[in-house]
Amino acid sequence: MANHKVVNVDSKDVQNAEKMWHNFTVFGKYTVLAICALMAGLAAAFVQF
């Protein structure tokens, strides 16, 4: 069941994977901030204080 082959990794592939992960986390951060701003805006617009 287990596969014990040696994996050859190119440094360019590693850099590409790290860059992709970094871009994903930055996108996620700004998406969460945008959703929080949207929820705050909706609460301010529709909830009577």
PDB file of N, CA and C in Angstrom:
ATOM      1  N   MET A   1       0.815  -1.199   0.000  1.00  0.00           N
ATOM      2  CA  MET A   1       0.000   0.000   0.000  1.00  0.00           C
ATOM      3  C   MET A   1       0.858   1.262   0.000  1.00  0.00           C
ATOM      4  N   ALA A   2       1.878   1.292   0.808  1.00  0.00           N
ATOM      5  CA  ALA A   2       2.701   2.494   0.892  1.00  0.00           C
ATOM      6  C   ALA A   2       3.668   2.541  -0.285  1.00  0.00           C
ATOM      7  N   ASN A   3       3.969   3.743  -0.710  1.00  0.00           N
ATOM      8  CA  ASN A   3       4.881   3.954  -1.816  1.00  0.00           C
ATOM      9  C   ASN A   3       6.126   4.650  -1.264  1.00  0.00           C
ATOM     10  N   HIS A   4       7.267   4.008  -1.360  1.00  0.00           N
ATOM     11  CA  HIS A   4       8.493   4.527  -0.777  1.00  0.00           C
ATOM     12  C   HIS A   4       9.494   4.935  -1.851  1.00  0.00           C
ATOM     13  N   LYS A   5       9.023   5.634  -2.854  1.00  0.00           N
ATOM     14  CA  LYS A   5       9.912   6.108  -3.905  1.00  0.00           C
ATOM     15  C   LYS A   5      10.523   7.448  -3.497  1.00  0.00           C
ATOM     16  N   VAL A   6      11.731   7.677  -3.928  1.00  0.00           N
ATOM     17  CA  VAL A   6      12.389   8.957  -3.691  1.00  0.00           C
ATOM     18  C   VAL A   6      11.791   9.980  -4.656  1.00  0.00           C
ATOM     19  N   VAL A   7      11.439  11.113  -4.104  1.00  0.00           N
ATOM     20  CA  VAL A   7      10.817  12.160  -4.908  1.00  0.00           C
ATOM     21  C   VAL A   7      11.866  13.213  -5.247  1.00  0.00           C
ATOM     22  N   ASN A   8      12.000  13.494  -6.512  1.00  0.00           N
ATOM     23  CA  ASN A   8      12.910  14.549  -6.955  1.00  0.00           C
ATOM     24  C   ASN A   8      12.112  15.833  -7.116  1.00  0.00           C
ATOM     25  N   VAL A   9      12.513  16.848  -6.366  1.00  0.00           N
ATOM     26  CA  VAL A   9      11.795  18.117  -6.377  1.00  0.00           C
ATOM     27  C   VAL A   9      12.708  19.190  -6.945  1.00  0.00           C
ATOM     28  N   ASP A  10      12.183  19.898  -7.918  1.00  0.00           N
ATOM     29  CA  ASP A  10      12.916  20.999  -8.525  1.00  0.00           C
ATOM     30  C   ASP A  10      12.703  22.258  -7.684  1.00  0.00           C
ATOM     31  N   SER A  11      13.738  23.045  -7.500  1.00  0.00           N
ATOM     32  CA  SER A  11      13.619  24.254  -6.674  1.00  0.00           C
ATOM     33  C   SER A  11      12.627  25.240  -7.282  1.00  0.00           C
ATOM     34  N   LYS A  12      12.496  25.244  -8.599  1.00  0.00           N
ATOM     35  CA  LYS A  12      11.526  26.118  -9.255  1.00  0.00           C
ATOM     36  C   LYS A  12      10.100  25.698  -8.887  1.00  0.00           C
ATOM     37  N   ASP A  13       9.851  24.393  -8.808  1.00  0.00           N
ATOM     38  CA  ASP A  13       8.532  23.912  -8.415  1.00  0.00           C
ATOM     39  C   ASP A  13       8.214  24.288  -6.966  1.00  0.00           C
ATOM     40  N   VAL A  14       9.206  24.210  -6.101  1.00  0.00           N
ATOM     41  CA  VAL A  14       9.007  24.577  -4.700  1.00  0.00           C
ATOM     42  C   VAL A  14       8.695  26.067  -4.590  1.00  0.00           C
ATOM     43  N   GLN A  15       9.427  26.891  -5.308  1.00  0.00           N
ATOM     44  CA  GLN A  15       9.176  28.328  -5.286  1.00  0.00           C
ATOM     45  C   GLN A  15       7.788  28.651  -5.838  1.00  0.00           C
ATOM     46  N   ASN A  16       7.387  27.943  -6.879  1.00  0.00           N
ATOM     47  CA  ASN A  16       6.061  28.156  -7.452  1.00  0.00           C
ATOM     48  C   ASN A  16       4.974  27.778  -6.449  1.00  0.00           C
ATOM     49  N   ALA A  17       5.156  26.666  -5.746  1.00  0.00           N
ATOM     50  CA  ALA A  17       4.173  26.237  -4.749  1.00  0.00           C
ATOM     51  C   ALA A  17       4.105  27.225  -3.593  1.00  0.00           C
ATOM     52  N   GLU A  18       5.253  27.723  -3.143  1.00  0.00           N
ATOM     53  CA  GLU A  18       5.270  28.702  -2.056  1.00  0.00           C
ATOM     54  C   GLU A  18       4.607  30.005  -2.471  1.00  0.00           C
ATOM     55  N   LYS A  19       4.851  30.438  -3.695  1.00  0.00           N
ATOM     56  CA  LYS A  19       4.230  31.662  -4.204  1.00  0.00           C
ATOM     57  C   LYS A  19       2.716  31.490  -4.309  1.00  0.00           C
ATOM     58  N   MET A  20       2.272  30.324  -4.794  1.00  0.00           N
ATOM     59  CA  MET A  20       0.848  30.062  -4.913  1.00  0.00           C
ATOM     60  C   MET A  20       0.184  30.067  -3.538  1.00  0.00           C
ATOM     61  N   TRP A  21       0.819  29.440  -2.539  1.00  0.00           N
ATOM     62  CA  TRP A  21       0.263  29.403  -1.189  1.00  0.00           C
ATOM     63  C   TRP A  21       0.215  30.815  -0.601  1.00  0.00           C
ATOM     64  N   HIS A  22       1.260  31.614  -0.824  1.00  0.00           N
ATOM     65  CA  HIS A  22       1.274  32.985  -0.330  1.00  0.00           C
ATOM     66  C   HIS A  22       0.135  33.791  -0.948  1.00  0.00           C
ATOM     67  N   ASN A  23      -0.042  33.687  -2.247  1.00  0.00           N
ATOM     68  CA  ASN A  23      -1.123  34.413  -2.924  1.00  0.00           C
ATOM     69  C   ASN A  23      -2.489  33.977  -2.422  1.00  0.00           C
ATOM     70  N   PHE A  24      -2.644  32.682  -2.135  1.00  0.00           N
ATOM     71  CA  PHE A  24      -3.906  32.167  -1.612  1.00  0.00           C
ATOM     72  C   PHE A  24      -4.209  32.748  -0.233  1.00  0.00           C
ATOM     73  N   THR A  25      -3.199  32.805   0.636  1.00  0.00           N
ATOM     74  CA  THR A  25      -3.439  33.326   1.983  1.00  0.00           C
ATOM     75  C   THR A  25      -3.731  34.826   1.957  1.00  0.00           C
ATOM     76  N   VAL A  26      -3.062  35.568   1.080  1.00  0.00           N
ATOM     77  CA  VAL A  26      -3.345  37.000   0.955  1.00  0.00           C
ATOM     78  C   VAL A  26      -4.776  37.199   0.450  1.00  0.00           C
ATOM     79  N   PHE A  27      -5.173  36.432  -0.548  1.00  0.00           N
ATOM     80  CA  PHE A  27      -6.536  36.515  -1.065  1.00  0.00           C
ATOM     81  C   PHE A  27      -7.549  36.186   0.027  1.00  0.00           C
ATOM     82  N   GLY A  28      -7.267  35.150   0.808  1.00  0.00           N
ATOM     83  CA  GLY A  28      -8.164  34.769   1.896  1.00  0.00           C
ATOM     84  C   GLY A  28      -8.290  35.855   2.944  1.00  0.00           C
ATOM     85  N   LYS A  29      -7.167  36.504   3.268  1.00  0.00           N
ATOM     86  CA  LYS A  29      -7.192  37.573   4.266  1.00  0.00           C
ATOM     87  C   LYS A  29      -8.084  38.712   3.810  1.00  0.00           C
ATOM     88  N   TYR A  30      -7.907  39.147   2.569  1.00  0.00           N
ATOM     89  CA  TYR A  30      -8.713  40.259   2.082  1.00  0.00           C
ATOM     90  C   TYR A  30     -10.174  39.861   1.871  1.00  0.00           C
ATOM     91  N   THR A  31     -10.426  38.612   1.565  1.00  0.00           N
ATOM     92  CA  THR A  31     -11.802  38.146   1.437  1.00  0.00           C
ATOM     93  C   THR A  31     -12.506  38.178   2.788  1.00  0.00           C
ATOM     94  N   VAL A  32     -11.828  37.723   3.832  1.00  0.00           N
ATOM     95  CA  VAL A  32     -12.414  37.757   5.179  1.00  0.00           C
ATOM     96  C   VAL A  32     -12.666  39.198   5.608  1.00  0.00           C
ATOM     97  N   LEU A  33     -11.733  40.087   5.348  1.00  0.00           N
ATOM     98  CA  LEU A  33     -11.927  41.496   5.706  1.00  0.00           C
ATOM     99  C   LEU A  33     -13.100  42.104   4.936  1.00  0.00           C
ATOM    100  N   ALA A  34     -13.242  41.766   3.666  1.00  0.00           N
ATOM    101  CA  ALA A  34     -14.353  42.281   2.868  1.00  0.00           C
ATOM    102  C   ALA A  34     -15.692  41.761   3.390  1.00  0.00           C
ATOM    103  N   ILE A  35     -15.739  40.506   3.785  1.00  0.00           N
ATOM    104  CA  ILE A  35     -16.979  39.942   4.318  1.00  0.00           C
ATOM    105  C   ILE A  35     -17.330  40.605   5.645  1.00  0.00           C
ATOM    106  N   CYS A  36     -16.325  40.848   6.489  1.00  0.00           N
ATOM    107  CA  CYS A  36     -16.578  41.538   7.758  1.00  0.00           C
ATOM    108  C   CYS A  36     -17.104  42.947   7.512  1.00  0.00           C
ATOM    109  N   ALA A  37     -16.528  43.655   6.551  1.00  0.00           N
ATOM    110  CA  ALA A  37     -17.001  44.997   6.223  1.00  0.00           C
ATOM    111  C   ALA A  37     -18.430  44.946   5.685  1.00  0.00           C
ATOM    112  N   LEU A  38     -18.711  43.962   4.860  1.00  0.00           N
ATOM    113  CA  LEU A  38     -20.058  43.808   4.325  1.00  0.00           C
ATOM    114  C   LEU A  38     -21.061  43.537   5.437  1.00  0.00           C
ATOM    115  N   MET A  39     -20.721  42.652   6.369  1.00  0.00           N
ATOM    116  CA  MET A  39     -21.631  42.337   7.474  1.00  0.00           C
ATOM    117  C   MET A  39     -21.841  43.557   8.376  1.00  0.00           C
ATOM    118  N   ALA A  40     -20.783  44.315   8.619  1.00  0.00           N
ATOM    119  CA  ALA A  40     -20.918  45.528   9.428  1.00  0.00           C
ATOM    120  C   ALA A  40     -21.799  46.549   8.717  1.00  0.00           C
ATOM    121  N   GLY A  41     -21.619  46.668   7.406  1.00  0.00           N
ATOM    122  CA  GLY A  41     -22.453  47.578   6.631  1.00  0.00           C
ATOM    123  C   GLY A  41     -23.918  47.167   6.636  1.00  0.00           C
ATOM    124  N   LEU A  42     -24.174  45.888   6.493  1.00  0.00           N
ATOM    125  CA  LEU A  42     -25.554  45.399   6.529  1.00  0.00           C
ATOM    126  C   LEU A  42     -26.171  45.604   7.905  1.00  0.00           C
ATOM    127  N   ALA A  43     -25.372  45.358   8.957  1.00  0.00           N
ATOM    128  CA  ALA A  43     -25.884  45.565  10.310  1.00  0.00           C
ATOM    129  C   ALA A  43     -26.202  47.040  10.531  1.00  0.00           C
ATOM    130  N   ALA A  44     -25.335  47.920  10.070  1.00  0.00           N
ATOM    131  CA  ALA A  44     -25.584  49.361  10.243  1.00  0.00           C
ATOM    132  C   ALA A  44     -26.800  49.811   9.440  1.00  0.00           C
ATOM    133  N   ALA A  45     -27.038  49.191   8.310  1.00  0.00           N
ATOM    134  CA  ALA A  45     -28.141  49.618   7.458  1.00  0.00           C
ATOM    135  C   ALA A  45     -29.491  49.084   7.932  1.00  0.00           C
ATOM    136  N   PHE A  46     -29.526  47.880   8.467  1.00  0.00           N
ATOM    137  CA  PHE A  46     -30.813  47.240   8.726  1.00  0.00           C
ATOM    138  C   PHE A  46     -31.153  47.042  10.197  1.00  0.00           C
ATOM    139  N   VAL A  47     -30.193  47.177  11.098  1.00  0.00           N
ATOM    140  CA  VAL A  47     -30.477  46.994  12.520  1.00  0.00           C
ATOM    141  C   VAL A  47     -30.723  48.365  13.126  1.00  0.00           C
ATOM    142  N   GLN A  48     -31.857  48.504  13.773  1.00  0.00           N
ATOM    143  CA  GLN A  48     -32.185  49.774  14.409  1.00  0.00           C
ATOM    144  C   GLN A  48     -31.583  49.794  15.806  1.00  0.00           C
ATOM    145  N   PHE A  49     -30.804  50.822  16.078  1.00  0.00           N
ATOM    146  CA  PHE A  49     -30.167  50.930  17.389  1.00  0.00           C
ATOM    147  C   PHE A  49     -30.973  51.808  18.303  1.00  0.00           C
TER     148      PHE A  49
END
